[in-house]
């Protein structure tokens, strides 16, 4: 596995917590080009999980709370 499962979702996609949905989408698509499902299934799954979490406002807020508290 090239990407670390324990990576922060924001770091994984190369964005910060204040980013817009558009920027999340752009970062996600960039990562998908780099880590296709056929060649990197585990990485693809991790990137998709990060994307789904960060694109849902409620999930994103909860994720930030969880990661900032340790």
N, C-alpha and C. Protein backbone atom coordinates (compact mmCIF):
# COMPACT_ATOMS: atom_id res chain seq x y z
N UNK A 1 0.85 -1.19 0.00
CA UNK A 1 0.00 0.00 0.00
C UNK A 1 0.89 1.24 0.00
N UNK A 2 0.63 2.12 -0.93
CA UNK A 2 1.45 3.33 -1.05
C UNK A 2 0.99 4.44 -0.12
N UNK A 3 -0.31 4.53 0.09
CA UNK A 3 -0.85 5.55 0.98
C UNK A 3 -1.04 4.95 2.37
N UNK A 4 -0.86 5.76 3.37
CA UNK A 4 -0.97 5.29 4.75
C UNK A 4 -2.41 5.35 5.24
N UNK A 5 -2.91 4.23 5.77
CA UNK A 5 -4.28 4.17 6.28
C UNK A 5 -4.50 5.16 7.42
N UNK A 6 -3.46 5.49 8.14
CA UNK A 6 -3.57 6.37 9.30
C UNK A 6 -3.44 7.84 8.93
N UNK A 7 -3.30 8.13 7.65
CA UNK A 7 -3.17 9.52 7.21
C UNK A 7 -4.47 10.28 7.45
N UNK A 8 -4.31 11.53 7.76
CA UNK A 8 -5.44 12.44 7.86
C UNK A 8 -6.04 12.58 6.46
N UNK A 9 -7.37 12.58 6.36
CA UNK A 9 -8.02 12.67 5.06
C UNK A 9 -7.62 13.94 4.30
N UNK A 10 -7.45 15.03 5.02
CA UNK A 10 -7.06 16.27 4.37
C UNK A 10 -5.65 16.16 3.79
N UNK A 11 -4.74 15.58 4.56
CA UNK A 11 -3.38 15.37 4.08
C UNK A 11 -3.36 14.40 2.91
N UNK A 12 -4.17 13.38 3.00
CA UNK A 12 -4.25 12.36 1.95
C UNK A 12 -4.62 12.98 0.61
N UNK A 13 -5.58 13.91 0.63
CA UNK A 13 -6.00 14.56 -0.61
C UNK A 13 -5.19 15.82 -0.93
N UNK A 14 -4.31 16.22 -0.01
CA UNK A 14 -3.47 17.39 -0.25
C UNK A 14 -4.23 18.70 -0.14
N UNK A 15 -5.17 18.77 0.79
CA UNK A 15 -5.98 19.97 0.98
C UNK A 15 -5.99 20.33 2.46
N UNK A 16 -6.56 21.50 2.80
CA UNK A 16 -6.65 21.87 4.21
C UNK A 16 -8.11 21.87 4.65
N UNK A 17 -8.33 22.07 5.94
CA UNK A 17 -9.68 21.98 6.50
C UNK A 17 -10.62 23.09 6.03
N UNK A 18 -10.09 24.18 5.54
CA UNK A 18 -10.90 25.31 5.11
C UNK A 18 -11.24 25.27 3.62
N UNK A 19 -10.94 24.19 2.96
CA UNK A 19 -11.12 24.09 1.51
C UNK A 19 -12.59 24.00 1.11
N UNK A 20 -12.88 24.30 -0.13
CA UNK A 20 -14.24 24.25 -0.64
C UNK A 20 -14.55 22.86 -1.21
N UNK A 21 -15.83 22.61 -1.43
CA UNK A 21 -16.24 21.33 -2.02
C UNK A 21 -15.62 21.15 -3.41
N UNK A 22 -15.53 22.23 -4.14
CA UNK A 22 -14.92 22.16 -5.48
C UNK A 22 -13.47 21.71 -5.38
N UNK A 23 -12.73 22.26 -4.42
CA UNK A 23 -11.32 21.89 -4.24
C UNK A 23 -11.18 20.43 -3.81
N UNK A 24 -12.11 19.97 -2.99
CA UNK A 24 -12.11 18.56 -2.58
C UNK A 24 -12.30 17.68 -3.80
N UNK A 25 -13.26 18.05 -4.64
CA UNK A 25 -13.55 17.28 -5.85
C UNK A 25 -12.34 17.27 -6.79
N UNK A 26 -11.70 18.40 -6.97
CA UNK A 26 -10.52 18.48 -7.84
C UNK A 26 -9.39 17.61 -7.29
N UNK A 27 -9.15 17.69 -5.99
CA UNK A 27 -8.09 16.89 -5.37
C UNK A 27 -8.39 15.40 -5.50
N UNK A 28 -9.65 15.03 -5.29
CA UNK A 28 -10.07 13.64 -5.41
C UNK A 28 -9.82 13.12 -6.83
N UNK A 29 -10.24 13.88 -7.81
CA UNK A 29 -10.05 13.46 -9.21
C UNK A 29 -8.57 13.34 -9.56
N UNK A 30 -7.76 14.22 -9.03
CA UNK A 30 -6.31 14.17 -9.26
C UNK A 30 -5.74 12.88 -8.67
N UNK A 31 -6.17 12.54 -7.47
CA UNK A 31 -5.69 11.32 -6.82
C UNK A 31 -6.17 10.08 -7.56
N UNK A 32 -7.38 10.11 -8.10
CA UNK A 32 -7.89 8.96 -8.84
C UNK A 32 -7.08 8.70 -10.10
N UNK A 33 -6.61 9.75 -10.73
CA UNK A 33 -5.77 9.57 -11.91
C UNK A 33 -4.45 8.91 -11.53
N UNK A 34 -3.98 9.22 -10.34
CA UNK A 34 -2.70 8.69 -9.86
C UNK A 34 -2.86 7.25 -9.33
N UNK A 35 -3.98 6.98 -8.66
CA UNK A 35 -4.20 5.68 -8.02
C UNK A 35 -5.49 5.06 -8.55
N UNK A 36 -5.41 4.47 -9.72
CA UNK A 36 -6.60 3.87 -10.32
C UNK A 36 -7.03 2.62 -9.55
N UNK A 37 -8.30 2.30 -9.64
CA UNK A 37 -8.85 1.15 -8.94
C UNK A 37 -8.22 -0.16 -9.40
N UNK A 38 -7.89 -0.26 -10.66
CA UNK A 38 -7.34 -1.50 -11.20
C UNK A 38 -5.93 -1.78 -10.66
N UNK A 39 -5.11 -0.75 -10.56
CA UNK A 39 -3.72 -0.94 -10.13
C UNK A 39 -3.54 -0.80 -8.62
N UNK A 40 -4.35 0.02 -7.98
CA UNK A 40 -4.19 0.32 -6.55
C UNK A 40 -5.53 0.23 -5.83
N UNK A 41 -6.11 -0.96 -5.71
CA UNK A 41 -7.45 -1.06 -5.12
C UNK A 41 -7.55 -0.57 -3.68
N UNK A 42 -6.53 -0.82 -2.86
CA UNK A 42 -6.59 -0.38 -1.47
C UNK A 42 -6.50 1.14 -1.37
N UNK A 43 -5.61 1.73 -2.16
CA UNK A 43 -5.46 3.18 -2.18
C UNK A 43 -6.73 3.84 -2.71
N UNK A 44 -7.28 3.26 -3.76
CA UNK A 44 -8.53 3.78 -4.35
C UNK A 44 -9.63 3.81 -3.30
N UNK A 45 -9.76 2.73 -2.55
CA UNK A 45 -10.78 2.65 -1.51
C UNK A 45 -10.55 3.71 -0.43
N UNK A 46 -9.33 3.92 -0.02
CA UNK A 46 -9.00 4.91 1.00
C UNK A 46 -9.30 6.33 0.50
N UNK A 47 -8.93 6.62 -0.73
CA UNK A 47 -9.18 7.94 -1.33
C UNK A 47 -10.68 8.18 -1.43
N UNK A 48 -11.43 7.18 -1.84
CA UNK A 48 -12.88 7.32 -1.97
C UNK A 48 -13.53 7.52 -0.61
N UNK A 49 -13.06 6.81 0.39
CA UNK A 49 -13.58 6.99 1.75
C UNK A 49 -13.33 8.42 2.24
N UNK A 50 -12.14 8.93 1.99
CA UNK A 50 -11.81 10.31 2.37
C UNK A 50 -12.72 11.29 1.65
N UNK A 51 -12.92 11.10 0.36
CA UNK A 51 -13.76 11.97 -0.44
C UNK A 51 -15.20 11.99 0.07
N UNK A 52 -15.76 10.82 0.30
CA UNK A 52 -17.15 10.73 0.76
C UNK A 52 -17.32 11.39 2.13
N UNK A 53 -16.35 11.22 2.99
CA UNK A 53 -16.42 11.82 4.32
C UNK A 53 -16.33 13.34 4.24
N UNK A 54 -15.42 13.84 3.45
CA UNK A 54 -15.20 15.29 3.39
C UNK A 54 -16.26 16.02 2.58
N UNK A 55 -16.91 15.35 1.66
CA UNK A 55 -17.94 16.01 0.86
C UNK A 55 -19.27 16.12 1.61
N UNK A 56 -19.49 15.29 2.60
CA UNK A 56 -20.70 15.35 3.42
C UNK A 56 -20.40 16.28 4.60
N UNK A 57 -21.10 17.40 4.66
CA UNK A 57 -20.82 18.43 5.67
C UNK A 57 -20.88 17.89 7.09
N UNK A 58 -21.87 17.09 7.42
CA UNK A 58 -22.00 16.54 8.76
C UNK A 58 -20.85 15.59 9.08
N UNK A 59 -20.51 14.74 8.12
CA UNK A 59 -19.41 13.81 8.32
C UNK A 59 -18.08 14.56 8.46
N UNK A 60 -17.92 15.62 7.67
CA UNK A 60 -16.68 16.39 7.72
C UNK A 60 -16.51 17.05 9.10
N UNK A 61 -17.57 17.66 9.61
CA UNK A 61 -17.50 18.29 10.92
C UNK A 61 -17.18 17.25 11.99
N UNK A 62 -17.83 16.12 11.93
CA UNK A 62 -17.56 15.05 12.90
C UNK A 62 -16.11 14.56 12.77
N UNK A 63 -15.64 14.39 11.55
CA UNK A 63 -14.27 13.93 11.32
C UNK A 63 -13.26 14.92 11.90
N UNK A 64 -13.49 16.21 11.67
CA UNK A 64 -12.59 17.23 12.21
C UNK A 64 -12.57 17.19 13.72
N UNK A 65 -13.75 17.03 14.34
CA UNK A 65 -13.82 16.93 15.80
C UNK A 65 -13.04 15.74 16.31
N UNK A 66 -13.21 14.61 15.64
CA UNK A 66 -12.54 13.38 16.07
C UNK A 66 -11.02 13.47 15.91
N UNK A 67 -10.57 14.03 14.82
CA UNK A 67 -9.13 14.09 14.59
C UNK A 67 -8.44 15.17 15.40
N UNK A 68 -9.15 16.25 15.71
CA UNK A 68 -8.53 17.31 16.49
C UNK A 68 -8.45 16.96 17.97
N UNK A 69 -9.33 16.09 18.44
CA UNK A 69 -9.31 15.72 19.85
C UNK A 69 -8.35 14.56 20.13
N UNK A 70 -7.84 13.96 19.06
CA UNK A 70 -6.86 12.89 19.26
C UNK A 70 -7.44 11.60 19.14
